[in-house]
Amino acid sequence: MNKGKLIVFSAPSGSGKTTIVKHLLGREDLNLEFSISAASRAPRGEEVNGKDYYFISTEEFKKHIKNEDFIEWEEVYRDNFYGTLKSEVERIWALGKNVIFDIDVAGGLRIKNKFPEQTLAVFVKPPSIDELKIRLKKRSTESDDKINMRIAKASVELATAPQFDKIIKNYDLDVAKEDAYQLVKSFVK
């Protein structure tokens, strides 16, 4: 596995990384394809299997771990696994495209460590923890307990920002999108 470029976007939930990644996918000059992660959780809201995630059972996920089918994986919460299948990255590279990830902090750093020369790892920093909480509540997709778990995790994730190649501060979404575009454009050229 040593063909194309890998662009990782990581951040605490609610930081805007998904919005930024979707913006970049719309820029044809970047030649990007989204890496769909596998997840052992049920779909939320309008999520679609094979588009947003590959939704698989916990048992199936554990079987893939045993078979070493993942580039990276993590048990984010108890029995709640996320990971990147090797076959997904190979599929994208076979299309002649660069892979873009919208991935948690630990997974992003694992990809960066595994493919240091091929990877641009970008951390999207939110304005504040309070703003994160507001954004997560506005989503109306999770219970208060889940939101509180995400907020507690966000503090730990924010401490990892210096380990990434670049940090984009998302205080103004339009500015953050343009910063991300310029970073990725110079990396893939």
Protein backbone atom coordinates (compact mmCIF):
# COMPACT_ATOMS: atom_id res chain seq x y z
CA MET A 1 0.00 0.00 0.00
CA ASN A 2 2.09 2.87 -1.22
CA LYS A 3 0.43 4.74 -4.07
CA GLY A 4 -1.37 8.02 -3.54
CA LYS A 5 -1.72 10.88 -1.11
CA LEU A 6 -3.64 10.69 2.15
CA ILE A 7 -5.32 13.79 3.60
CA VAL A 8 -6.51 13.42 7.17
CA PHE A 9 -8.95 15.81 8.85
CA SER A 10 -9.41 15.22 12.57
CA ALA A 11 -11.10 17.18 15.33
CA PRO A 12 -13.42 16.81 18.27
CA SER A 13 -17.08 16.20 17.30
CA GLY A 14 -18.75 19.48 16.37
CA SER A 15 -15.59 21.27 15.21
CA GLY A 16 -16.69 21.50 11.58
CA LYS A 17 -14.37 18.92 10.04
CA THR A 18 -17.16 17.14 8.16
CA THR A 19 -18.38 20.41 6.63
CA ILE A 20 -14.82 21.28 5.59
CA VAL A 21 -14.21 17.82 4.09
CA LYS A 22 -17.47 18.02 2.09
CA HIS A 23 -16.37 21.43 0.79
CA LEU A 24 -13.01 19.99 -0.34
CA LEU A 25 -14.70 17.03 -2.04
CA GLY A 26 -16.57 19.55 -4.19
CA ARG A 27 -13.30 20.98 -5.51
CA GLU A 28 -12.54 18.83 -8.57
CA ASP A 29 -9.00 20.18 -8.98
CA LEU A 30 -7.97 18.38 -5.76
CA ASN A 31 -8.85 14.92 -7.20
CA LEU A 32 -10.18 13.66 -3.86
CA GLU A 33 -12.29 10.67 -2.92
CA PHE A 34 -13.79 10.22 0.54
CA SER A 35 -12.60 7.28 2.61
CA ILE A 36 -15.69 5.67 4.08
CA SER A 37 -14.95 4.35 7.55
CA ALA A 38 -16.38 1.18 9.01
CA ALA A 39 -18.44 1.61 12.20
CA SER A 40 -20.00 -0.87 14.58
CA ARG A 41 -22.81 1.51 15.54
CA ALA A 42 -26.25 2.00 14.04
CA PRO A 43 -26.83 4.78 11.48
CA ARG A 44 -27.82 8.21 12.88
CA GLY A 45 -30.37 10.46 11.27
CA GLU A 46 -30.02 10.41 7.48
CA GLU A 47 -26.78 8.36 7.38
CA VAL A 48 -26.58 5.76 4.60
CA ASN A 49 -24.61 2.51 4.63
CA GLY A 50 -21.82 2.58 2.04
CA LYS A 51 -21.99 6.37 1.74
CA ASP A 52 -21.44 7.78 5.25
CA TYR A 53 -20.04 4.62 6.87
CA TYR A 54 -19.91 0.90 6.31
CA PHE A 55 -22.17 -0.13 9.19
CA ILE A 56 -21.15 -3.57 10.43
CA SER A 57 -21.84 -5.55 13.58
CA THR A 58 -19.43 -5.55 16.51
CA GLU A 59 -18.74 -9.24 15.85
CA GLU A 60 -17.96 -8.58 12.17
CA PHE A 61 -15.72 -5.66 13.15
CA LYS A 62 -13.76 -7.87 15.56
CA LYS A 63 -13.34 -10.46 12.79
CA HIS A 64 -11.82 -7.78 10.52
CA ILE A 65 -9.44 -6.78 13.35
CA LYS A 66 -8.33 -10.38 13.76
CA ASN A 67 -7.75 -10.66 9.98
CA GLU A 68 -5.72 -7.39 9.99
CA ASP A 69 -8.05 -5.83 7.41
CA PHE A 70 -7.73 -2.32 8.87
CA ILE A 71 -5.14 0.41 8.31
CA GLU A 72 -6.30 1.78 11.66
CA TRP A 73 -9.14 1.12 14.06
CA GLU A 74 -10.23 2.17 17.50
CA GLU A 75 -12.77 1.29 20.12
CA VAL A 76 -13.98 4.86 20.58
CA TYR A 77 -16.50 3.97 23.27
CA ARG A 78 -17.25 0.54 24.76
CA ASP A 79 -18.21 -1.84 21.88
CA ASN A 80 -18.32 1.17 19.54
CA PHE A 81 -15.61 0.61 16.92
CA TYR A 82 -14.50 2.76 13.99
CA GLY A 83 -11.82 1.94 11.46
CA THR A 84 -10.41 2.30 7.95
CA LEU A 85 -10.40 -0.83 5.83
CA LYS A 86 -7.31 -1.38 3.68
CA SER A 87 -9.65 -2.30 0.82
CA GLU A 88 -11.25 1.16 0.97
CA VAL A 89 -7.93 3.00 0.48
CA GLU A 90 -6.89 0.55 -2.26
CA ARG A 91 -10.26 1.14 -4.01
CA ILE A 92 -9.66 4.92 -4.07
CA TRP A 93 -6.05 4.66 -5.21
CA ALA A 94 -7.18 2.31 -8.01
CA LEU A 95 -9.35 5.21 -9.24
CA GLY A 96 -6.19 7.37 -9.40
CA LYS A 97 -7.46 9.66 -6.65
CA ASN A 98 -6.15 11.07 -3.38
CA VAL A 99 -7.82 9.77 -0.21
CA ILE A 100 -9.45 12.22 2.20
CA PHE A 101 -10.42 11.15 5.71
CA ASP A 102 -12.89 12.64 8.18
CA ILE A 103 -11.64 10.69 11.15
CA ASP A 104 -11.17 10.81 14.90
CA VAL A 105 -7.93 12.14 16.35
CA ALA A 106 -6.41 8.79 17.34
CA GLY A 107 -7.14 7.27 13.91
CA GLY A 108 -5.76 10.31 12.12
CA LEU A 109 -2.49 10.12 14.02
CA ARG A 110 -2.21 6.38 13.33
CA ILE A 111 -2.52 7.00 9.58
CA LYS A 112 0.07 9.81 9.80
CA ASN A 113 2.49 7.54 11.70
CA LYS A 114 1.96 4.63 9.29
CA PHE A 115 2.36 6.72 6.10
CA PRO A 116 4.34 9.83 7.17
CA GLU A 117 5.53 10.90 3.70
CA GLN A 118 2.16 10.43 1.99
CA THR A 119 -0.04 12.05 4.64
CA LEU A 120 -1.13 15.59 5.36
CA ALA A 121 -2.71 15.52 8.84
CA VAL A 122 -4.91 18.54 9.63
CA PHE A 123 -6.49 19.29 13.00
CA VAL A 124 -9.62 21.45 12.99
CA LYS A 125 -9.74 23.49 16.17
CA PRO A 126 -13.10 24.80 17.45
CA PRO A 127 -13.51 28.26 19.00
CA SER A 128 -14.12 26.76 22.48
CA ILE A 129 -15.47 23.77 24.39
CA ASP A 130 -18.64 25.78 25.12
CA GLU A 131 -19.17 26.38 21.38
CA LEU A 132 -18.68 22.64 20.76
CA LYS A 133 -21.42 21.82 23.25
CA ILE A 134 -23.80 24.28 21.56
CA ARG A 135 -23.07 22.77 18.12
CA LEU A 136 -23.60 19.20 19.36
CA LYS A 137 -26.92 20.11 21.01
CA LYS A 138 -28.10 21.83 17.78
CA ARG A 139 -27.56 18.57 15.88
CA SER A 140 -30.30 16.90 17.98
CA THR A 141 -28.89 13.47 17.11
CA GLU A 142 -27.64 12.31 20.52
CA SER A 143 -28.67 12.17 24.16
CA ASP A 144 -27.24 14.59 26.73
CA ASP A 145 -25.14 11.73 28.13
CA LYS A 146 -23.55 11.11 24.70
CA ILE A 147 -22.94 14.84 24.25
CA ASN A 148 -21.27 15.02 27.66
CA MET A 149 -19.07 12.02 26.74
CA ARG A 150 -18.03 13.81 23.53
CA ILE A 151 -17.26 17.04 25.40
CA ALA A 152 -15.11 15.18 27.95
CA LYS A 153 -13.25 13.49 25.08
CA ALA A 154 -12.82 16.83 23.26
CA SER A 155 -10.56 18.20 25.99
CA VAL A 156 -8.20 15.25 25.55
CA GLU A 157 -8.36 15.51 21.74
CA LEU A 158 -7.53 19.24 21.77
CA ALA A 159 -4.26 18.42 23.54
CA THR A 160 -3.17 16.33 20.51
CA ALA A 161 -3.42 19.24 18.04
CA PRO A 162 0.36 19.95 18.03
CA GLN A 163 1.02 16.39 16.76
CA PHE A 164 -0.71 17.23 13.46
CA ASP A 165 1.01 18.81 10.45
CA LYS A 166 -1.35 21.80 10.40
CA ILE A 167 -4.01 23.32 12.63
CA ILE A 168 -6.98 25.16 11.14
CA LYS A 169 -8.88 27.34 13.58
CA ASN A 170 -12.58 27.18 12.75
CA TYR A 171 -13.80 30.50 14.16
CA ASP A 172 -15.25 31.48 10.76
CA LEU A 173 -16.34 28.57 8.57
CA ASP A 174 -15.71 30.31 5.23
CA VAL A 175 -12.16 31.21 6.27
CA ALA A 176 -11.56 27.67 7.56
CA LYS A 177 -12.79 26.18 4.26
CA GLU A 178 -10.46 28.41 2.24
CA ASP A 179 -7.50 27.66 4.55
CA ALA A 180 -8.17 23.94 4.13
CA TYR A 181 -8.44 24.26 0.35
CA GLN A 182 -5.10 26.08 0.09
CA LEU A 183 -3.36 23.53 2.35
CA VAL A 184 -4.66 20.53 0.42
CA LYS A 185 -4.06 22.14 -2.98
CA SER A 186 -0.37 22.71 -2.21
CA PHE A 187 -0.02 19.18 -0.78
CA VAL A 188 -1.53 17.29 -3.74
CA LYS A 189 0.24 19.30 -6.51
